[in-house]
Amino acid sequence: MDETDKPAATDKVHLTNSRIQQILALPVSEKRQLAQTGSRELRAILVRDSNTQVQEAVLDSPRITEVEIVAFAKSPKISSVLLRKIATNRAWLKNYQVRLALVNNPMTPLPLALKLVTTLRDADLAVLAKSKGLPEELLVAAERTAAQRAPATPQQAKEEKRSKSRYQEIQDLPVPEKVKLAMSGDKEARSILIKDSNKQIQEAVLDSPRITEQEIVAVANSRNVGEELLRKIATNRDWMKNYQVRLALANNPKTPLSVGLRLIGTLMISDLKRLSKSKGVSSVLTAAANRVLIKKGVK
């Protein structure tokens, strides 16, 4: 193709379908050059090219506008590689519409979307929390962010102050006193001590005769406890009779894999389906969940 055959680098150019196909058939090197110097319409075509280098050349174009970046960030047809490139560009992220589009795009890598969700406005958080087709973790993060921004009532402020002082009071205790409190204290004390860095104190919480199954479910769900504590729960026959305890352990990435694999066969089909698609646990576990579903004749 000589110079007269190449599309003009002007934003007023209109491309027919045959011309589009002709452009897409060009060698990668020529498409990269067009991505850098071509028109806005050309960039809209080339950003969906199958070659990643061509796509990235579009974003690297000195002629690209923030309006285009917003459009690309919204598009579910854009690859996650390109969305990651947009999401790591500080200059583009200053544009609120870019951040909003990225969070609402199901193709945006989840860790990046979760970082951006806290920068959204309250009205957009409310809409996001009710969205369909987005990861559940993102919807939960939207709800949590909105809740954290809500102004505290005088009663809530009073309770928070009391909670902070109780926390500090317990943190200042020597280890033997913490162990004693873990065994004989109330639910609030146990909720504080289960997060202590000392394993002896954590185990004392589980050994408390006052601990409830509801608390055990909460510990089994927690990503902040070590696998030793989760293994201790899994070896308690009484606790393992509780379905919610077994479900929590199976879905907790901190649970030892051998324990998780033993629990799969005890789960309900609906929970097995969710586990088989989970990205938060080992692929070995999701594969095992799939095998159980197949054995049960569930597609």
Protein backbone atom coordinates (compact mmCIF):
# COMPACT_ATOMS: atom_id res chain seq x y z
CA MET A 1 0.00 0.00 0.00
CA ASP A 2 1.52 3.36 -1.00
CA GLU A 3 0.95 6.71 0.70
CA THR A 4 -2.10 7.53 -1.41
CA ASP A 5 -3.80 4.31 -0.29
CA LYS A 6 -3.28 4.89 3.43
CA PRO A 7 -6.16 6.36 5.47
CA ALA A 8 -5.78 10.06 6.10
CA ALA A 9 -4.81 11.07 9.63
CA THR A 10 -7.81 13.28 10.18
CA ASP A 11 -10.70 12.98 12.62
CA LYS A 12 -13.17 13.70 9.82
CA VAL A 13 -12.43 10.54 7.84
CA HIS A 14 -15.28 8.05 7.41
CA LEU A 15 -14.33 4.41 6.95
CA THR A 16 -16.46 1.89 5.09
CA ASN A 17 -16.61 -1.76 6.17
CA SER A 18 -14.36 -2.80 3.31
CA ARG A 19 -11.85 -0.12 4.32
CA ILE A 20 -11.95 -1.34 7.91
CA GLN A 21 -11.19 -4.89 6.80
CA GLN A 22 -8.36 -3.55 4.64
CA ILE A 23 -6.88 -1.77 7.65
CA LEU A 24 -7.16 -4.80 9.90
CA ALA A 25 -5.36 -6.87 7.27
CA LEU A 26 -2.32 -4.56 7.32
CA PRO A 27 0.99 -5.80 8.79
CA VAL A 28 1.33 -5.23 12.53
CA SER A 29 4.04 -2.59 12.06
CA GLU A 30 1.76 -0.47 9.82
CA LYS A 31 -1.18 -0.84 12.18
CA ARG A 32 0.98 0.30 15.09
CA GLN A 33 2.00 3.36 13.10
CA LEU A 34 -1.62 4.15 12.24
CA ALA A 35 -2.57 3.68 15.89
CA GLN A 36 -0.04 6.38 16.79
CA THR A 37 -0.78 8.88 14.02
CA GLY A 38 -4.25 8.06 12.70
CA SER A 39 -7.65 9.54 13.36
CA ARG A 40 -9.94 8.96 16.31
CA GLU A 41 -12.05 6.64 14.16
CA LEU A 42 -8.96 4.60 13.31
CA ARG A 43 -8.03 4.31 16.98
CA ALA A 44 -11.54 3.04 17.79
CA ILE A 45 -10.98 0.24 15.26
CA LEU A 46 -7.40 -0.61 16.13
CA VAL A 47 -7.95 -0.72 19.88
CA ARG A 48 -9.90 -3.94 19.27
CA ASP A 49 -7.22 -5.47 17.07
CA SER A 50 -6.24 -9.02 18.04
CA ASN A 51 -2.60 -7.97 18.44
CA THR A 52 -1.79 -6.58 21.91
CA GLN A 53 1.03 -4.40 20.52
CA VAL A 54 -1.43 -2.66 18.21
CA GLN A 55 -3.89 -2.14 21.06
CA GLU A 56 -1.22 -0.65 23.31
CA ALA A 57 -0.02 1.61 20.48
CA VAL A 58 -3.51 3.15 20.45
CA LEU A 59 -3.23 4.07 24.14
CA ASP A 60 0.28 5.39 23.59
CA SER A 61 -0.88 7.71 20.81
CA PRO A 62 -0.05 11.38 21.55
CA ARG A 63 -3.35 12.30 19.88
CA ILE A 64 -5.59 10.23 22.15
CA THR A 65 -8.18 12.15 24.18
CA GLU A 66 -9.66 11.53 27.64
CA VAL A 67 -13.07 11.11 25.98
CA GLU A 68 -11.63 8.12 24.12
CA ILE A 69 -10.06 6.73 27.30
CA VAL A 70 -13.45 6.88 29.04
CA ALA A 71 -15.05 5.07 26.08
CA PHE A 72 -12.35 2.38 26.11
CA ALA A 73 -12.66 1.97 29.90
CA LYS A 74 -16.41 1.38 29.49
CA SER A 75 -16.12 -1.15 26.68
CA PRO A 76 -16.51 -4.85 27.59
CA LYS A 77 -14.82 -5.65 24.27
CA ILE A 78 -11.50 -4.18 25.41
CA SER A 79 -9.00 -6.71 26.76
CA SER A 80 -8.15 -6.83 30.46
CA VAL A 81 -4.53 -6.06 29.49
CA LEU A 82 -5.58 -2.68 28.09
CA LEU A 83 -7.88 -1.96 31.03
CA ARG A 84 -4.97 -2.65 33.37
CA LYS A 85 -2.84 -0.20 31.36
CA ILE A 86 -5.53 2.46 31.73
CA ALA A 87 -5.96 1.70 35.44
CA THR A 88 -2.25 2.18 36.12
CA ASN A 89 -1.99 5.55 34.36
CA ARG A 90 -2.13 8.22 37.10
CA ALA A 91 -2.95 11.03 34.71
CA TRP A 92 -6.00 9.24 33.29
CA LEU A 93 -7.17 8.16 36.74
CA LYS A 94 -7.54 11.81 37.74
CA ASN A 95 -10.62 11.76 35.49
CA TYR A 96 -13.56 10.56 37.61
CA GLN A 97 -15.42 9.12 34.61
CA VAL A 98 -12.42 6.91 33.80
CA ARG A 99 -12.43 5.47 37.33
CA LEU A 100 -16.19 4.98 37.30
CA ALA A 101 -16.06 3.21 33.93
CA LEU A 102 -13.25 0.88 35.04
CA VAL A 103 -15.05 -0.17 38.21
CA ASN A 104 -18.24 -0.93 36.28
CA ASN A 105 -16.46 -2.87 33.53
CA PRO A 106 -16.62 -6.64 34.23
CA MET A 107 -13.39 -7.07 32.24
CA THR A 108 -11.36 -4.89 34.63
CA PRO A 109 -9.09 -7.08 36.82
CA LEU A 110 -10.79 -7.39 40.22
CA PRO A 111 -7.83 -6.18 42.38
CA LEU A 112 -7.72 -2.93 40.36
CA ALA A 113 -11.48 -2.42 40.53
CA LEU A 114 -11.41 -2.94 44.31
CA LYS A 115 -8.75 -0.24 44.68
CA LEU A 116 -10.82 2.23 42.68
CA VAL A 117 -14.20 1.56 44.29
CA THR A 118 -13.26 3.64 47.36
CA THR A 119 -12.83 6.72 45.13
CA LEU A 120 -16.42 6.67 43.83
CA ARG A 121 -19.19 9.05 44.85
CA ASP A 122 -21.98 7.90 47.16
CA ALA A 123 -24.63 7.91 44.41
CA ASP A 124 -22.45 5.73 42.17
CA LEU A 125 -21.65 3.38 45.05
CA ALA A 126 -25.38 2.86 45.62
CA VAL A 127 -25.89 1.96 41.95
CA LEU A 128 -22.80 -0.28 41.93
CA ALA A 129 -23.96 -2.23 45.00
CA LYS A 130 -27.09 -3.32 43.08
CA SER A 131 -25.34 -4.11 39.79
CA LYS A 132 -25.58 -7.48 38.08
CA GLY A 133 -22.78 -9.16 36.20
CA LEU A 134 -20.01 -7.87 38.47
CA PRO A 135 -18.06 -9.89 41.07
CA GLU A 136 -19.76 -10.20 44.46
CA GLU A 137 -16.59 -8.95 46.18
CA LEU A 138 -16.96 -5.66 44.31
CA LEU A 139 -20.60 -5.24 45.34
CA VAL A 140 -19.71 -5.95 48.97
CA ALA A 141 -16.84 -3.43 48.77
CA ALA A 142 -19.26 -0.79 47.43
CA GLU A 143 -21.68 -1.40 50.32
CA ARG A 144 -18.87 -1.37 52.88
CA THR A 145 -17.41 1.88 51.50
CA ALA A 146 -20.82 3.57 51.59
CA ALA A 147 -21.44 2.36 55.15
CA GLN A 148 -18.07 3.62 56.35
CA ARG A 149 -18.86 7.09 54.99
CA ALA A 150 -22.21 7.29 56.73
CA PRO A 151 -22.10 9.82 59.61
CA ALA A 152 -22.10 8.11 63.00
CA THR A 153 -25.02 8.77 65.37
CA PRO A 154 -24.19 10.01 68.91
CA GLN A 155 -24.91 6.50 70.24
CA GLN A 156 -22.64 4.89 67.62
CA ALA A 157 -19.87 7.37 68.43
CA LYS A 158 -20.21 6.56 72.13
CA GLU A 159 -20.08 2.81 71.49
CA GLU A 160 -17.07 3.20 69.19
CA LYS A 161 -15.20 5.17 71.85
CA ARG A 162 -16.00 2.49 74.44
CA SER A 163 -14.92 -0.25 72.04
CA LYS A 164 -11.60 1.46 71.37
CA SER A 165 -10.86 1.90 75.08
CA ARG A 166 -11.76 -1.77 75.77
CA TYR A 167 -9.51 -2.85 72.92
CA GLN A 168 -6.57 -0.86 74.29
CA GLU A 169 -7.22 -2.13 77.81
CA ILE A 170 -7.06 -5.74 76.62
CA GLN A 171 -4.04 -5.13 74.38
CA ASP A 172 -2.07 -3.83 77.38
CA LEU A 173 -2.60 -7.03 79.42
CA PRO A 174 0.30 -9.50 79.89
CA VAL A 175 -0.02 -12.83 78.06
CA PRO A 176 -1.16 -14.90 81.11
CA GLU A 177 -3.96 -12.40 81.78
CA LYS A 178 -4.99 -12.47 78.11
CA VAL A 179 -5.16 -16.29 78.22
CA LYS A 180 -7.30 -16.14 81.37
CA LEU A 181 -9.60 -13.54 79.77
CA ALA A 182 -9.86 -15.59 76.57
CA MET A 183 -11.15 -18.52 78.63
CA SER A 184 -13.51 -16.64 80.95
CA GLY A 185 -14.26 -13.29 79.28
CA ASP A 186 -17.27 -12.13 77.29
CA LYS A 187 -17.90 -12.26 73.53
CA GLU A 188 -16.36 -8.80 72.95
CA ALA A 189 -13.13 -9.85 74.69
CA ARG A 190 -12.96 -13.03 72.62
CA SER A 191 -13.51 -11.08 69.37
CA ILE A 192 -10.48 -8.93 70.27
CA LEU A 193 -8.24 -11.75 71.52
CA ILE A 194 -8.86 -14.04 68.53
CA LYS A 195 -6.92 -11.46 66.48
CA ASP A 196 -3.96 -11.45 68.88
CA SER A 197 -0.61 -12.36 67.29
CA ASN A 198 0.07 -14.92 70.06
CA LYS A 199 -1.20 -18.39 69.00
CA GLN A 200 -1.55 -19.49 72.62
CA ILE A 201 -4.06 -16.70 73.20
CA GLN A 202 -5.97 -17.50 69.99
CA GLU A 203 -6.25 -21.17 70.95
CA ALA A 204 -7.43 -20.19 74.43
CA VAL A 205 -10.33 -18.34 72.79
CA LEU A 206 -11.39 -21.54 71.00
CA ASP A 207 -11.00 -23.50 74.25
CA SER A 208 -13.33 -21.13 76.09
CA PRO A 209 -16.40 -22.98 77.48
CA ARG A 210 -18.41 -19.83 76.76
CA ILE A 211 -17.69 -19.62 73.03
CA THR A 212 -20.74 -20.01 70.77
CA GLU A 213 -21.14 -21.75 67.41
CA GLN A 214 -21.91 -18.35 65.88
CA GLU A 215 -18.45 -17.19 66.94
CA ILE A 216 -16.88 -20.36 65.53
CA VAL A 217 -18.54 -19.66 62.17
CA ALA A 218 -17.10 -16.13 62.26
CA VAL A 219 -13.58 -17.46 62.99
CA ALA A 220 -13.92 -20.08 60.25
CA ASN A 221 -14.85 -17.30 57.83
CA SER A 222 -11.98 -15.02 58.88
CA ARG A 223 -9.03 -14.43 56.57
CA ASN A 224 -7.08 -12.98 59.52
CA VAL A 225 -6.46 -16.21 61.41
CA GLY A 226 -3.77 -18.79 60.74
CA GLU A 227 -4.29 -22.27 59.33
CA GLU A 228 -3.48 -23.83 62.74
CA LEU A 229 -6.63 -22.29 64.21
CA LEU A 230 -8.73 -23.39 61.24
CA ARG A 231 -7.31 -26.90 61.54
CA LYS A 232 -8.24 -26.91 65.25
CA ILE A 233 -11.83 -26.05 64.34
CA ALA A 234 -11.88 -28.78 61.69
CA THR A 235 -10.86 -31.42 64.26
CA ASN A 236 -13.74 -30.60 66.63
CA ARG A 237 -16.55 -33.05 65.84
CA ASP A 238 -19.24 -31.00 67.56
CA TRP A 239 -18.43 -27.84 65.61
CA MET A 240 -18.19 -29.74 62.34
CA LYS A 241 -21.82 -30.87 62.73
CA ASN A 242 -22.73 -27.24 61.97
CA TYR A 243 -23.09 -26.84 58.19
CA GLN A 244 -22.16 -23.14 58.27
CA VAL A 245 -18.84 -24.00 59.94
CA ARG A 246 -18.03 -26.55 57.22
CA LEU A 247 -19.07 -24.15 54.46
CA ALA A 248 -16.96 -21.34 55.93
CA LEU A 249 -13.89 -23.56 56.16
CA ALA A 250 -14.32 -24.84 52.61
CA ASN A 251 -14.45 -21.28 51.26
CA ASN A 252 -11.59 -19.91 53.37
CA PRO A 253 -8.30 -19.76 51.39
CA LYS A 254 -6.39 -20.08 54.68
CA THR A 255 -7.92 -23.52 55.40
CA PRO A 256 -5.38 -26.34 54.81
CA LEU A 257 -6.09 -27.92 51.42
CA SER A 258 -6.41 -31.42 52.91
CA VAL A 259 -9.19 -30.15 55.20
CA GLY A 260 -11.00 -28.35 52.39
CA LEU A 261 -10.93 -31.45 50.17
CA ARG A 262 -12.49 -33.56 52.95
CA LEU A 263 -15.33 -31.06 53.33
CA ILE A 264 -16.35 -30.81 49.67
CA GLY A 265 -18.44 -33.97 49.74
CA THR A 266 -20.55 -32.59 52.62
CA LEU A 267 -21.64 -29.39 50.84
CA MET A 268 -24.98 -28.66 49.19
CA ILE A 269 -25.12 -28.49 45.39
CA SER A 270 -25.75 -24.71 45.32
CA ASP A 271 -22.67 -24.10 47.49
CA LEU A 272 -20.61 -26.55 45.45
CA LYS A 273 -21.49 -24.61 42.29
CA ARG A 274 -20.29 -21.36 43.84
CA LEU A 275 -17.12 -23.01 45.15
CA SER A 276 -16.37 -24.54 41.73
CA LYS A 277 -16.28 -21.02 40.23
CA SER A 278 -14.51 -19.29 43.09
CA LYS A 279 -11.27 -17.44 42.35
CA GLY A 280 -10.46 -17.04 46.03
CA VAL A 281 -9.53 -20.65 46.76
CA SER A 282 -7.04 -23.18 45.39
CA SER A 283 -7.63 -24.41 41.83
CA VAL A 284 -7.27 -27.93 43.25
CA LEU A 285 -10.33 -27.28 45.41
CA THR A 286 -12.43 -25.82 42.58
CA ALA A 287 -11.50 -28.78 40.37
CA ALA A 288 -12.54 -31.19 43.13
CA ALA A 289 -15.85 -29.36 43.54
CA ASN A 290 -16.43 -29.72 39.78
CA ARG A 291 -15.76 -33.45 39.96
CA VAL A 292 -18.30 -33.89 42.76
CA LEU A 293 -20.90 -31.97 40.73
CA ILE A 294 -20.26 -34.19 37.71
CA LYS A 295 -20.65 -37.32 39.86
CA LYS A 296 -23.97 -35.96 41.12
CA GLY A 297 -25.04 -35.39 37.51
CA VAL A 298 -25.08 -31.60 37.84
CA LYS A 299 -23.94 -29.54 34.86
